[in-house]
N, C-alpha and C. Protein backbone atom coordinates (compact mmCIF):
# COMPACT_ATOMS: atom_id res chain seq x y z
N MET A 1 18.31 13.52 -8.67
CA MET A 1 17.47 14.12 -7.87
C MET A 1 16.01 13.49 -8.18
N ASP A 2 15.78 13.40 -9.50
CA ASP A 2 14.48 12.63 -9.85
C ASP A 2 14.53 11.33 -9.56
N ARG A 3 15.66 10.58 -9.56
CA ARG A 3 15.82 9.17 -9.37
C ARG A 3 15.93 9.09 -7.87
N LEU A 4 16.30 9.97 -7.02
CA LEU A 4 16.09 9.95 -5.47
C LEU A 4 14.56 9.99 -5.29
N TYR A 5 13.85 10.73 -5.79
CA TYR A 5 12.31 11.11 -5.59
C TYR A 5 11.52 9.87 -5.97
N PHE A 6 11.94 9.00 -7.03
CA PHE A 6 11.41 8.05 -7.50
C PHE A 6 11.51 7.11 -6.47
N TYR A 7 12.63 6.77 -6.04
CA TYR A 7 12.95 5.58 -5.08
C TYR A 7 12.22 5.86 -3.60
N GLY A 8 12.12 7.27 -3.16
CA GLY A 8 11.22 7.71 -2.16
C GLY A 8 9.69 7.41 -2.41
N LEU A 9 9.32 7.70 -3.53
CA LEU A 9 7.85 7.31 -3.94
C LEU A 9 7.70 5.90 -3.77
N ILE A 10 8.54 5.01 -4.16
CA ILE A 10 8.34 3.38 -4.15
C ILE A 10 8.41 3.06 -2.59
N TYR A 11 9.58 3.65 -1.81
CA TYR A 11 9.64 3.52 -0.39
C TYR A 11 8.20 3.78 0.56
N GLY A 12 7.73 4.87 0.06
CA GLY A 12 6.47 5.49 0.65
C GLY A 12 5.37 4.77 0.20
N ILE A 13 5.18 4.27 -0.95
CA ILE A 13 4.00 3.35 -1.42
C ILE A 13 4.14 1.83 -0.69
N GLY A 14 5.39 1.49 -0.40
CA GLY A 14 5.43 0.04 0.46
C GLY A 14 5.20 0.35 1.73
N LEU A 15 5.60 1.37 2.31
CA LEU A 15 5.33 1.97 3.69
C LEU A 15 3.94 1.75 4.10
N PHE A 16 3.23 2.62 3.30
CA PHE A 16 1.73 3.03 3.50
C PHE A 16 1.07 1.42 3.27
N ALA A 17 1.52 0.63 2.15
CA ALA A 17 0.64 -0.61 2.08
C ALA A 17 0.96 -1.54 3.44
N LEU A 18 2.14 -1.41 3.93
CA LEU A 18 2.35 -2.12 5.05
C LEU A 18 1.57 -1.76 6.25
N ILE A 19 1.51 -0.42 6.53
CA ILE A 19 0.61 -0.01 7.49
C ILE A 19 -0.59 -0.24 7.35
N SER A 20 -1.40 0.13 6.06
CA SER A 20 -2.91 -0.29 5.62
C SER A 20 -3.04 -1.94 5.91
N SER A 21 -2.23 -2.59 5.64
CA SER A 21 -2.40 -4.18 5.72
C SER A 21 -2.64 -4.39 7.18
N ILE A 22 -1.53 -3.93 7.97
CA ILE A 22 -1.51 -4.28 9.39
C ILE A 22 -3.01 -3.35 10.23
N VAL A 23 -3.15 -2.32 9.55
CA VAL A 23 -4.63 -1.75 10.25
C VAL A 23 -5.84 -2.59 9.78
N LEU A 24 -5.86 -3.28 8.47
CA LEU A 24 -6.77 -3.97 8.04
C LEU A 24 -6.99 -5.13 8.91
N SER A 25 -5.89 -5.85 9.01
CA SER A 25 -5.92 -7.22 9.84
C SER A 25 -6.18 -6.75 11.17
N PHE A 26 -5.92 -5.91 11.90
CA PHE A 26 -6.38 -5.37 13.30
C PHE A 26 -7.84 -5.46 13.20
N ILE A 27 -8.46 -4.57 12.20
CA ILE A 27 -9.76 -4.31 12.12
C ILE A 27 -10.70 -5.69 11.96
N TYR A 28 -9.91 -6.47 11.24
CA TYR A 28 -10.51 -7.98 11.03
C TYR A 28 -10.56 -8.65 12.40
N PHE A 29 -9.33 -8.67 12.92
CA PHE A 29 -9.21 -9.19 14.19
C PHE A 29 -10.25 -8.65 15.26
N VAL A 30 -10.62 -7.26 15.32
CA VAL A 30 -11.41 -6.85 16.26
C VAL A 30 -13.00 -7.27 16.03
N ILE A 31 -13.11 -7.30 14.55
CA ILE A 31 -14.50 -7.88 14.10
C ILE A 31 -14.90 -9.18 14.74
N GLY A 32 -13.64 -10.26 14.72
CA GLY A 32 -13.79 -11.44 15.16
C GLY A 32 -13.66 -12.47 13.95
N ARG A 33 -13.16 -11.85 12.83
CA ARG A 33 -13.02 -12.88 11.69
C ARG A 33 -11.61 -13.47 11.64
N TYR A 34 -11.39 -14.65 11.54
CA TYR A 34 -9.96 -15.17 11.51
C TYR A 34 -9.18 -14.88 10.14
N LEU A 35 -8.02 -14.07 10.26
CA LEU A 35 -7.63 -13.59 9.12
C LEU A 35 -6.07 -14.32 9.05
N ASP A 36 -6.00 -15.18 7.98
CA ASP A 36 -4.74 -16.01 7.93
C ASP A 36 -3.55 -15.14 7.09
N ILE A 37 -2.60 -15.89 6.73
CA ILE A 37 -1.65 -15.31 5.59
C ILE A 37 -2.14 -14.87 4.45
N VAL A 38 -3.14 -15.87 3.84
CA VAL A 38 -3.63 -15.35 2.59
C VAL A 38 -4.42 -13.94 2.69
N GLY A 39 -5.18 -13.87 3.70
CA GLY A 39 -5.98 -12.74 3.88
C GLY A 39 -5.13 -11.57 4.08
N CYS A 40 -4.21 -11.46 4.92
CA CYS A 40 -3.07 -10.41 5.18
C CYS A 40 -2.52 -10.06 3.62
N LEU A 41 -2.11 -10.95 3.04
CA LEU A 41 -1.49 -10.77 1.76
C LEU A 41 -2.38 -10.15 0.67
N MET A 42 -3.78 -10.51 0.67
CA MET A 42 -4.65 -10.08 -0.22
C MET A 42 -5.06 -8.54 0.35
N ALA A 43 -5.01 -8.14 1.57
CA ALA A 43 -5.04 -6.81 1.98
C ALA A 43 -3.89 -6.12 1.50
N PHE A 44 -2.63 -6.57 1.66
CA PHE A 44 -1.64 -5.93 1.22
C PHE A 44 -1.63 -5.51 -0.41
N ILE A 45 -1.78 -6.73 -1.12
CA ILE A 45 -1.95 -6.23 -2.40
C ILE A 45 -3.12 -5.50 -2.83
N LEU A 46 -4.27 -5.59 -2.00
CA LEU A 46 -5.27 -4.50 -2.37
C LEU A 46 -5.16 -3.26 -2.02
N SER A 47 -4.38 -3.00 -0.99
CA SER A 47 -3.99 -1.44 -0.48
C SER A 47 -2.77 -1.04 -1.53
N LEU A 48 -2.00 -1.93 -2.11
CA LEU A 48 -0.87 -1.67 -3.01
C LEU A 48 -1.77 -1.04 -4.39
N PHE A 49 -2.43 -2.04 -4.72
CA PHE A 49 -3.29 -1.66 -5.99
C PHE A 49 -3.96 -0.31 -5.88
N LEU A 50 -4.74 0.07 -4.81
CA LEU A 50 -5.38 1.30 -4.65
C LEU A 50 -4.40 2.51 -4.65
N LEU A 51 -3.41 2.08 -3.82
CA LEU A 51 -2.29 3.41 -3.92
C LEU A 51 -1.91 3.61 -5.26
N PHE A 52 -1.58 2.61 -5.90
CA PHE A 52 -1.02 2.71 -7.32
C PHE A 52 -1.84 3.48 -8.20
N LYS A 53 -3.33 3.17 -7.97
CA LYS A 53 -4.39 4.01 -8.93
C LYS A 53 -4.31 5.44 -8.40
N PHE A 54 -4.28 5.62 -7.20
CA PHE A 54 -4.22 7.17 -6.72
C PHE A 54 -3.18 7.77 -7.10
N THR A 55 -1.75 7.30 -6.96
CA THR A 55 -0.74 7.96 -7.23
C THR A 55 -0.07 7.83 -8.77
N GLU A 56 -0.86 7.17 -9.66
CA GLU A 56 -0.29 6.93 -10.83
C GLU A 56 -0.20 8.13 -11.82
N GLY A 57 -1.39 8.93 -11.76
CA GLY A 57 -1.36 10.10 -12.42
C GLY A 57 -0.58 11.18 -11.94
N LYS A 58 -0.36 11.37 -10.90
CA LYS A 58 0.54 12.21 -10.04
C LYS A 58 1.99 11.82 -10.50
N ALA A 59 2.30 10.66 -10.17
CA ALA A 59 3.70 10.09 -10.40
C ALA A 59 4.00 10.38 -11.97
N LYS A 60 3.33 9.89 -12.84
CA LYS A 60 3.54 10.18 -14.39
C LYS A 60 3.65 11.63 -14.62
N ARG A 61 3.00 12.52 -14.09
CA ARG A 61 3.05 14.26 -14.38
C ARG A 61 4.34 14.44 -13.58
N ASP A 62 4.75 14.25 -12.54
CA ASP A 62 5.84 14.63 -11.62
C ASP A 62 7.38 14.05 -12.33
N LEU A 63 7.27 12.82 -13.06
CA LEU A 63 8.42 12.39 -13.46
C LEU A 63 8.72 12.94 -14.92
N LYS A 64 7.72 13.60 -15.49
CA LYS A 64 8.00 14.25 -16.81
C LYS A 64 8.78 15.41 -16.78
């Protein structure tokens, strides 16, 4: 059950990063800035990094 929860956490993090990168690119598109593949990738990595920072402590606490 712990392994299933861990996989669910990783899947949720990936899904959140994907959605937030799409939202960020949409915001950049609305502002009028041209966002290429590198910008989308940077937004994806940034959102992953932020989410890992936020969930790192909770995940370590829950897995113990």
